[in-house]
PDB file of N, CA and C in Angstrom:
ATOM      1  N   MET A   1      37.791  35.161  55.396  1.00  0.00           N
ATOM      2  CA  MET A   1      39.175  34.789  55.188  1.00  0.00           C
ATOM      3  C   MET A   1      39.320  33.275  55.301  1.00  0.00           C
ATOM      4  N   ASP A   2      40.240  32.750  54.548  1.00  0.00           N
ATOM      5  CA  ASP A   2      40.507  31.311  54.616  1.00  0.00           C
ATOM      6  C   ASP A   2      41.459  31.018  55.766  1.00  0.00           C
ATOM      7  N   ASP A   3      41.193  29.913  56.430  1.00  0.00           N
ATOM      8  CA  ASP A   3      42.089  29.519  57.519  1.00  0.00           C
ATOM      9  C   ASP A   3      43.308  28.761  57.001  1.00  0.00           C
ATOM     10  N   ASP A   4      43.186  28.203  55.777  1.00  0.00           N
ATOM     11  CA  ASP A   4      44.276  27.399  55.228  1.00  0.00           C
ATOM     12  C   ASP A   4      45.451  28.254  54.762  1.00  0.00           C
ATOM     13  N   THR A   5      45.168  29.405  54.140  1.00  0.00           N
ATOM     14  CA  THR A   5      46.251  30.241  53.615  1.00  0.00           C
ATOM     15  C   THR A   5      46.703  31.235  54.677  1.00  0.00           C
ATOM     16  N   PRO A   6      47.980  31.568  54.660  1.00  0.00           N
ATOM     17  CA  PRO A   6      48.471  32.514  55.664  1.00  0.00           C
ATOM     18  C   PRO A   6      47.902  33.917  55.458  1.00  0.00           C
ATOM     19  N   VAL A   7      47.853  34.686  56.519  1.00  0.00           N
ATOM     20  CA  VAL A   7      47.261  36.028  56.506  1.00  0.00           C
ATOM     21  C   VAL A   7      48.027  36.951  55.565  1.00  0.00           C
ATOM     22  N   VAL A   8      49.326  36.853  55.546  1.00  0.00           N
ATOM     23  CA  VAL A   8      50.140  37.721  54.697  1.00  0.00           C
ATOM     24  C   VAL A   8      49.791  37.503  53.236  1.00  0.00           C
ATOM     25  N   GLU A   9      49.585  36.266  52.854  1.00  0.00           N
ATOM     26  CA  GLU A   9      49.246  35.953  51.460  1.00  0.00           C
ATOM     27  C   GLU A   9      47.871  36.506  51.098  1.00  0.00           C
ATOM     28  N   GLN A  10      46.935  36.380  52.021  1.00  0.00           N
ATOM     29  CA  GLN A  10      45.585  36.888  51.766  1.00  0.00           C
ATOM     30  C   GLN A  10      45.595  38.405  51.605  1.00  0.00           C
ATOM     31  N   VAL A  11      46.340  39.066  52.470  1.00  0.00           N
ATOM     32  CA  VAL A  11      46.435  40.525  52.392  1.00  0.00           C
ATOM     33  C   VAL A  11      47.097  40.936  51.088  1.00  0.00           C
ATOM     34  N   THR A  12      48.116  40.221  50.669  1.00  0.00           N
ATOM     35  CA  THR A  12      48.815  40.522  49.419  1.00  0.00           C
ATOM     36  C   THR A  12      47.863  40.389  48.229  1.00  0.00           C
ATOM     37  N   ASP A  13      47.076  39.336  48.230  1.00  0.00           N
ATOM     38  CA  ASP A  13      46.107  39.140  47.138  1.00  0.00           C
ATOM     39  C   ASP A  13      45.084  40.271  47.102  1.00  0.00           C
ATOM     40  N   ALA A  14      44.592  40.657  48.264  1.00  0.00           N
ATOM     41  CA  ALA A  14      43.588  41.721  48.338  1.00  0.00           C
ATOM     42  C   ALA A  14      44.154  43.044  47.848  1.00  0.00           C
ATOM     43  N   VAL A  15      45.366  43.361  48.276  1.00  0.00           N
ATOM     44  CA  VAL A  15      45.986  44.630  47.901  1.00  0.00           C
ATOM     45  C   VAL A  15      46.336  44.655  46.416  1.00  0.00           C
ATOM     46  N   SER A  16      46.732  43.541  45.858  1.00  0.00           N
ATOM     47  CA  SER A  16      47.086  43.510  44.440  1.00  0.00           C
ATOM     48  C   SER A  16      45.851  43.645  43.552  1.00  0.00           C
ATOM     49  N   GLY A  17      44.697  43.300  44.066  1.00  0.00           N
ATOM     50  CA  GLY A  17      43.462  43.426  43.288  1.00  0.00           C
ATOM     51  C   GLY A  17      42.911  44.838  43.260  1.00  0.00           C
ATOM     52  N   VAL A  18      43.336  45.685  44.166  1.00  0.00           N
ATOM     53  CA  VAL A  18      42.814  47.052  44.277  1.00  0.00           C
ATOM     54  C   VAL A  18      43.118  47.902  43.047  1.00  0.00           C
ATOM     55  N   PRO A  19      44.348  47.930  42.524  1.00  0.00           N
ATOM     56  CA  PRO A  19      44.610  48.784  41.358  1.00  0.00           C
ATOM     57  C   PRO A  19      43.752  48.418  40.148  1.00  0.00           C
ATOM     58  N   ALA A  20      43.479  47.138  39.962  1.00  0.00           N
ATOM     59  CA  ALA A  20      42.638  46.724  38.837  1.00  0.00           C
ATOM     60  C   ALA A  20      41.227  47.272  38.994  1.00  0.00           C
ATOM     61  N   ALA A  21      40.716  47.218  40.208  1.00  0.00           N
ATOM     62  CA  ALA A  21      39.368  47.724  40.460  1.00  0.00           C
ATOM     63  C   ALA A  21      39.308  49.231  40.242  1.00  0.00           C
ATOM     64  N   THR A  22      40.321  49.943  40.705  1.00  0.00           N
ATOM     65  CA  THR A  22      40.300  51.398  40.539  1.00  0.00           C
ATOM     66  C   THR A  22      40.444  51.785  39.072  1.00  0.00           C
ATOM     67  N   SER A  23      41.241  51.019  38.332  1.00  0.00           N
ATOM     68  CA  SER A  23      41.395  51.346  36.912  1.00  0.00           C
ATOM     69  C   SER A  23      40.093  51.081  36.167  1.00  0.00           C
ATOM     70  N   GLU A  24      39.360  50.029  36.558  1.00  0.00           N
ATOM     71  CA  GLU A  24      38.055  49.762  35.933  1.00  0.00           C
ATOM     72  C   GLU A  24      37.083  50.894  36.231  1.00  0.00           C
ATOM     73  N   ALA A  25      37.081  51.339  37.463  1.00  0.00           N
ATOM     74  CA  ALA A  25      36.192  52.434  37.839  1.00  0.00           C
ATOM     75  C   ALA A  25      36.540  53.698  37.064  1.00  0.00           C
ATOM     76  N   ALA A  26      37.824  53.938  36.896  1.00  0.00           N
ATOM     77  CA  ALA A  26      38.260  55.133  36.165  1.00  0.00           C
ATOM     78  C   ALA A  26      37.828  55.066  34.705  1.00  0.00           C
ATOM     79  N   THR A  27      37.951  53.878  34.097  1.00  0.00           N
ATOM     80  CA  THR A  27      37.544  53.767  32.691  1.00  0.00           C
ATOM     81  C   THR A  27      36.045  53.963  32.541  1.00  0.00           C
ATOM     82  N   THR A  28      35.251  53.467  33.480  1.00  0.00           N
ATOM     83  CA  THR A  28      33.809  53.683  33.381  1.00  0.00           C
ATOM     84  C   THR A  28      33.468  55.157  33.525  1.00  0.00           C
ATOM     85  N   VAL A  29      34.170  55.838  34.398  1.00  0.00           N
ATOM     86  CA  VAL A  29      33.936  57.278  34.570  1.00  0.00           C
ATOM     87  C   VAL A  29      34.275  58.021  33.291  1.00  0.00           C
ATOM     88  N   VAL A  30      35.395  57.660  32.680  1.00  0.00           N
ATOM     89  CA  VAL A  30      35.812  58.315  31.436  1.00  0.00           C
ATOM     90  C   VAL A  30      34.770  58.086  30.352  1.00  0.00           C
ATOM     91  N   LYS A  31      34.258  56.878  30.264  1.00  0.00           N
ATOM     92  CA  LYS A  31      33.232  56.578  29.257  1.00  0.00           C
ATOM     93  C   LYS A  31      31.993  57.438  29.477  1.00  0.00           C
ATOM     94  N   LYS A  32      31.582  57.551  30.719  1.00  0.00           N
ATOM     95  CA  LYS A  32      30.394  58.365  31.014  1.00  0.00           C
ATOM     96  C   LYS A  32      30.621  59.825  30.659  1.00  0.00           C
ATOM     97  N   VAL A  33      31.815  60.315  30.938  1.00  0.00           N
ATOM     98  CA  VAL A  33      32.136  61.711  30.621  1.00  0.00           C
ATOM     99  C   VAL A  33      32.103  61.928  29.119  1.00  0.00           C
ATOM    100  N   ARG A  34      32.651  60.994  28.369  1.00  0.00           N
ATOM    101  CA  ARG A  34      32.640  61.127  26.909  1.00  0.00           C
ATOM    102  C   ARG A  34      31.218  61.132  26.363  1.00  0.00           C
ATOM    103  N   LYS A  35      30.372  60.255  26.913  1.00  0.00           N
ATOM    104  CA  LYS A  35      28.977  60.205  26.481  1.00  0.00           C
ATOM    105  C   LYS A  35      28.285  61.535  26.750  1.00  0.00           C
ATOM    106  N   ALA A  36      28.525  62.066  27.940  1.00  0.00           N
ATOM    107  CA  ALA A  36      27.914  63.343  28.305  1.00  0.00           C
ATOM    108  C   ALA A  36      28.400  64.454  27.383  1.00  0.00           C
ATOM    109  N   LYS A  37      29.670  64.410  27.031  1.00  0.00           N
ATOM    110  CA  LYS A  37      30.245  65.421  26.137  1.00  0.00           C
ATOM    111  C   LYS A  37      29.554  65.382  24.778  1.00  0.00           C
ATOM    112  N   LYS A  38      29.319  64.173  24.267  1.00  0.00           N
ATOM    113  CA  LYS A  38      28.623  64.041  22.983  1.00  0.00           C
ATOM    114  C   LYS A  38      27.209  64.597  23.076  1.00  0.00           C
ATOM    115  N   ALA A  39      26.534  64.292  24.166  1.00  0.00           N
ATOM    116  CA  ALA A  39      25.169  64.784  24.341  1.00  0.00           C
ATOM    117  C   ALA A  39      25.145  66.304  24.385  1.00  0.00           C
ATOM    118  N   VAL A  40      26.122  66.885  25.039  1.00  0.00           N
ATOM    119  CA  VAL A  40      26.200  68.355  25.121  1.00  0.00           C
ATOM    120  C   VAL A  40      26.438  68.942  23.740  1.00  0.00           C
ATOM    121  N   LYS A  41      27.307  68.315  22.955  1.00  0.00           N
ATOM    122  CA  LYS A  41      27.564  68.812  21.597  1.00  0.00           C
ATOM    123  C   LYS A  41      26.292  68.821  20.777  1.00  0.00           C
ATOM    124  N   LYS A  42      25.518  67.735  20.876  1.00  0.00           N
ATOM    125  CA  LYS A  42      24.256  67.664  20.136  1.00  0.00           C
ATOM    126  C   LYS A  42      23.311  68.775  20.570  1.00  0.00           C
ATOM    127  N   ALA A  43      23.216  68.968  21.867  1.00  0.00           N
ATOM    128  CA  ALA A  43      22.319  69.988  22.391  1.00  0.00           C
ATOM    129  C   ALA A  43      22.752  71.375  21.935  1.00  0.00           C
ATOM    130  N   VAL A  44      24.049  71.620  21.906  1.00  0.00           N
ATOM    131  CA  VAL A  44      24.561  72.923  21.477  1.00  0.00           C
ATOM    132  C   VAL A  44      24.227  73.161  20.016  1.00  0.00           C
ATOM    133  N   LYS A  45      24.349  72.135  19.186  1.00  0.00           N
ATOM    134  CA  LYS A  45      24.004  72.289  17.776  1.00  0.00           C
ATOM    135  C   LYS A  45      22.539  72.664  17.623  1.00  0.00           C
ATOM    136  N   LYS A  46      21.671  71.997  18.384  1.00  0.00           N
ATOM    137  CA  LYS A  46      20.242  72.296  18.301  1.00  0.00           C
ATOM    138  C   LYS A  46      19.953  73.713  18.770  1.00  0.00           C
ATOM    139  N   VAL A  47      20.616  74.122  19.821  1.00  0.00           N
ATOM    140  CA  VAL A  47      20.387  75.459  20.365  1.00  0.00           C
ATOM    141  C   VAL A  47      20.867  76.522  19.392  1.00  0.00           C
ATOM    142  N   GLY A  48      21.966  76.264  18.694  1.00  0.00           N
ATOM    143  CA  GLY A  48      22.515  77.235  17.755  1.00  0.00           C
ATOM    144  C   GLY A  48      21.521  77.634  16.691  1.00  0.00           C
ATOM    145  N   SER A  49      20.773  76.663  16.171  1.00  0.00           N
ATOM    146  CA  SER A  49      19.801  76.980  15.129  1.00  0.00           C
ATOM    147  C   SER A  49      18.595  77.700  15.701  1.00  0.00           C
ATOM    148  N   LYS A  50      18.296  77.441  16.956  1.00  0.00           N
ATOM    149  CA  LYS A  50      17.130  78.069  17.571  1.00  0.00           C
ATOM    150  C   LYS A  50      17.471  79.411  18.216  1.00  0.00           C
ATOM    151  N   LYS A  51      18.739  79.763  18.210  1.00  0.00           N
ATOM    152  CA  LYS A  51      19.189  80.961  18.911  1.00  0.00           C
ATOM    153  C   LYS A  51      18.534  82.220  18.352  1.00  0.00           C
ATOM    154  N   LYS A  52      18.483  82.336  17.009  1.00  0.00           N
ATOM    155  CA  LYS A  52      17.899  83.535  16.398  1.00  0.00           C
ATOM    156  C   LYS A  52      16.431  83.655  16.748  1.00  0.00           C
ATOM    157  N   LYS A  53      15.725  82.529  16.691  1.00  0.00           N
ATOM    158  CA  LYS A  53      14.299  82.551  17.029  1.00  0.00           C
ATOM    159  C   LYS A  53      14.109  82.979  18.476  1.00  0.00           C
ATOM    160  N   ALA A  54      14.960  82.490  19.333  1.00  0.00           N
ATOM    161  CA  ALA A  54      14.856  82.837  20.751  1.00  0.00           C
ATOM    162  C   ALA A  54      15.108  84.325  20.961  1.00  0.00           C
ATOM    163  N   LYS A  55      16.076  84.861  20.214  1.00  0.00           N
ATOM    164  CA  LYS A  55      16.368  86.295  20.327  1.00  0.00           C
ATOM    165  C   LYS A  55      15.164  87.124  19.925  1.00  0.00           C
ATOM    166  N   LYS A  56      14.559  86.752  18.786  1.00  0.00           N
ATOM    167  CA  LYS A  56      13.388  87.493  18.325  1.00  0.00           C
ATOM    168  C   LYS A  56      12.262  87.402  19.340  1.00  0.00           C
ATOM    169  N   ALA A  57      12.047  86.214  19.856  1.00  0.00           N
ATOM    170  CA  ALA A  57      10.978  86.031  20.834  1.00  0.00           C
ATOM    171  C   ALA A  57      11.242  86.863  22.080  1.00  0.00           C
ATOM    172  N   ALA A  58      12.488  86.923  22.482  1.00  0.00           N
ATOM    173  CA  ALA A  58      12.840  87.714  23.667  1.00  0.00           C
ATOM    174  C   ALA A  58      12.563  89.188  23.430  1.00  0.00           C
ATOM    175  N   LYS A  59      12.923  89.660  22.236  1.00  0.00           N
ATOM    176  CA  LYS A  59      12.661  91.069  21.908  1.00  0.00           C
ATOM    177  C   LYS A  59      11.167  91.350  21.934  1.00  0.00           C
ATOM    178  N   LYS A  60      10.382  90.445  21.321  1.00  0.00           N
ATOM    179  CA  LYS A  60       8.936  90.636  21.283  1.00  0.00           C
ATOM    180  C   LYS A  60       8.351  90.655  22.684  1.00  0.00           C
ATOM    181  N   SER A  61       8.800  89.726  23.505  1.00  0.00           N
ATOM    182  CA  SER A  61       8.244  89.670  24.859  1.00  0.00           C
ATOM    183  C   SER A  61       8.618  90.919  25.650  1.00  0.00           C
ATOM    184  N   ALA A  62       9.812  91.451  25.404  1.00  0.00           N
ATOM    185  CA  ALA A  62      10.219  92.682  26.083  1.00  0.00           C
ATOM    186  C   ALA A  62       9.331  93.838  25.661  1.00  0.00           C
ATOM    187  N   LYS A  63       9.047  93.909  24.361  1.00  0.00           N
ATOM    188  CA  LYS A  63       8.164  94.971  23.864  1.00  0.00           C
ATOM    189  C   LYS A  63       6.773  94.832  24.462  1.00  0.00           C
ATOM    190  N   LYS A  64       6.269  93.582  24.514  1.00  0.00           N
ATOM    191  CA  LYS A  64       4.940  93.355  25.081  1.00  0.00           C
ATOM    192  C   LYS A  64       4.899  93.763  26.545  1.00  0.00           C
ATOM    193  N   ALA A  65       5.965  93.482  27.252  1.00  0.00           N
ATOM    194  CA  ALA A  65       6.015  93.838  28.673  1.00  0.00           C
ATOM    195  C   ALA A  65       5.965  95.351  28.838  1.00  0.00           C
ATOM    196  N   LYS A  66       6.702  96.063  27.993  1.00  0.00           N
ATOM    197  CA  LYS A  66       6.684  97.527  28.063  1.00  0.00           C
ATOM    198  C   LYS A  66       5.296  98.064  27.764  1.00  0.00           C
ATOM    199  N   LYS A  67       4.673  97.524  26.722  1.00  0.00           N
ATOM    200  CA  LYS A  67       3.326  97.975  26.368  1.00  0.00           C
ATOM    201  C   LYS A  67       2.349  97.701  27.496  1.00  0.00           C
ATOM    202  N   ALA A  68       2.463  96.526  28.094  1.00  0.00           N
ATOM    203  CA  ALA A  68       1.561  96.170  29.187  1.00  0.00           C
ATOM    204  C   ALA A  68       1.719  97.134  30.358  1.00  0.00           C
ATOM    205  N   ALA A  69       2.954  97.502  30.641  1.00  0.00           N
ATOM    206  CA  ALA A  69       3.203  98.444  31.737  1.00  0.00           C
ATOM    207  C   ALA A  69       2.562  99.791  31.430  1.00  0.00           C
ATOM    208  N   LYS A  70       2.706 100.245  30.196  1.00  0.00           N
ATOM    209  CA  LYS A  70       2.104 101.521  29.805  1.00  0.00           C
ATOM    210  C   LYS A  70       0.582 101.453  29.921  1.00  0.00           C
ATOM    211  N   LYS A  71       0.015 100.341  29.462  1.00  0.00           N
ATOM    212  CA  LYS A  71      -1.445 100.193  29.518  1.00  0.00           C
ATOM    213  C   LYS A  71      -1.949 100.224  30.947  1.00  0.00           C
ATOM    214  N   THR A  72      -1.269  99.533  31.820  1.00  0.00           N
ATOM    215  CA  THR A  72      -1.722  99.514  33.214  1.00  0.00           C
ATOM    216  C   THR A  72      -1.613 100.898  33.831  1.00  0.00           C
ATOM    217  N   ALA A  73      -0.578 101.636  33.472  1.00  0.00           N
ATOM    218  CA  ALA A  73      -0.433 102.998  33.990  1.00  0.00           C
ATOM    219  C   ALA A  73      -1.582 103.868  33.500  1.00  0.00           C
ATOM    220  N   LYS A  74      -1.926 103.744  32.223  1.00  0.00           N
ATOM    221  CA  LYS A  74      -3.029 104.530  31.664  1.00  0.00           C
ATOM    222  C   LYS A  74      -4.347 104.160  32.331  1.00  0.00           C
ATOM    223  N   LYS A  75      -4.572 102.863  32.520  1.00  0.00           N
ATOM    224  CA  LYS A  75      -5.814 102.415  33.156  1.00  0.00           C
ATOM    225  C   LYS A  75      -5.918 102.948  34.582  1.00  0.00           C
ATOM    226  N   ALA A  76      -4.815 102.931  35.283  1.00  0.00           N
ATOM    227  CA  ALA A  76      -4.813 103.434  36.659  1.00  0.00           C
ATOM    228  C   ALA A  76      -5.148 104.926  36.681  1.00  0.00           C
ATOM    229  N   ALA A  77      -4.607 105.665  35.734  1.00  0.00           N
ATOM    230  CA  ALA A  77      -4.888 107.101  35.654  1.00  0.00           C
ATOM    231  C   ALA A  77      -6.369 107.341  35.369  1.00  0.00           C
ATOM    232  N   LYS A  78      -6.924 106.546  34.459  1.00  0.00           N
ATOM    233  CA  LYS A  78      -8.352 106.685  34.136  1.00  0.00           C
ATOM    234  C   LYS A  78      -9.213 106.400  35.354  1.00  0.00           C
ATOM    235  N   LYS A  79      -8.860 105.360  36.094  1.00  0.00           N
ATOM    236  CA  LYS A  79      -9.629 105.015  37.289  1.00  0.00           C
ATOM    237  C   LYS A  79      -9.586 106.137  38.312  1.00  0.00           C
ATOM    238  N   LYS A  80      -8.435 106.767  38.455  1.00  0.00           N
ATOM    239  CA  LYS A  80      -8.310 107.881  39.401  1.00  0.00           C
ATOM    240  C   LYS A  80      -9.216 109.036  38.987  1.00  0.00           C
ATOM    241  N   LYS A  81      -9.199 109.326  37.677  1.00  0.00           N
ATOM    242  CA  LYS A  81     -10.041 110.417  37.175  1.00  0.00           C
ATOM    243  C   LYS A  81     -11.521 110.123  37.430  1.00  0.00           C
ATOM    244  N   LYS A  82     -11.917 108.883  37.142  1.00  0.00           N
ATOM    245  CA  LYS A  82     -13.317 108.488  37.347  1.00  0.00           C
ATOM    246  C   LYS A  82     -13.698 108.597  38.811  1.00  0.00           C
ATOM    247  N   ALA A  83     -12.786 108.181  39.672  1.00  0.00           N
ATOM    248  CA  ALA A  83     -13.070 108.253  41.112  1.00  0.00           C
ATOM    249  C   ALA A  83     -13.234 109.695  41.563  1.00  0.00           C
ATOM    250  N   LYS A  84     -12.384 110.596  41.039  1.00  0.00           N
ATOM    251  CA  LYS A  84     -12.496 112.012  41.388  1.00  0.00           C
ATOM    252  C   LYS A  84     -13.832 112.577  40.894  1.00  0.00           C
ATOM    253  N   LYS A  85     -14.220 112.209  39.670  1.00  0.00           N
ATOM    254  CA  LYS A  85     -15.484 112.700  39.112  1.00  0.00           C
ATOM    255  C   LYS A  85     -16.660 112.179  39.921  1.00  0.00           C
ATOM    256  N   ALA A  86     -16.565 110.950  40.370  1.00  0.00           N
ATOM    257  CA  ALA A  86     -17.643 110.362  41.132  1.00  0.00           C
ATOM    258  C   ALA A  86     -17.822 111.053  42.480  1.00  0.00           C
ATOM    259  N   LYS A  87     -16.741 111.558  43.055  1.00  0.00           N
ATOM    260  CA  LYS A  87     -16.807 112.244  44.342  1.00  0.00           C
ATOM    261  C   LYS A  87     -17.504 113.586  44.219  1.00  0.00           C
ATOM    262  N   ARG A  88     -17.426 114.228  43.046  1.00  0.00           N
ATOM    263  CA  ARG A  88     -18.000 115.572  42.862  1.00  0.00           C
ATOM    264  C   ARG A  88     -19.456 115.591  42.951  1.00  0.00           C
TER     265      ARG A  88
END
């Protein structure tokens, strides 16, 4: 603080500068939000075209998972049979 100027004047100057600072901060936040919104729009457009491919891939992977489960069940049954035969 300056010793030459009165305290009331210094406080007045400080308080009057606050709204300008907050408005600057608000505008920067708004700019960042707008940028993020644009980025999201771009990403959504890209995802839209890939959506069908993703659906097909998901279906295929689901089918593969089912087949794998069936195969493991069959293998387990075969192993049990072999173990029983080996005991005889």
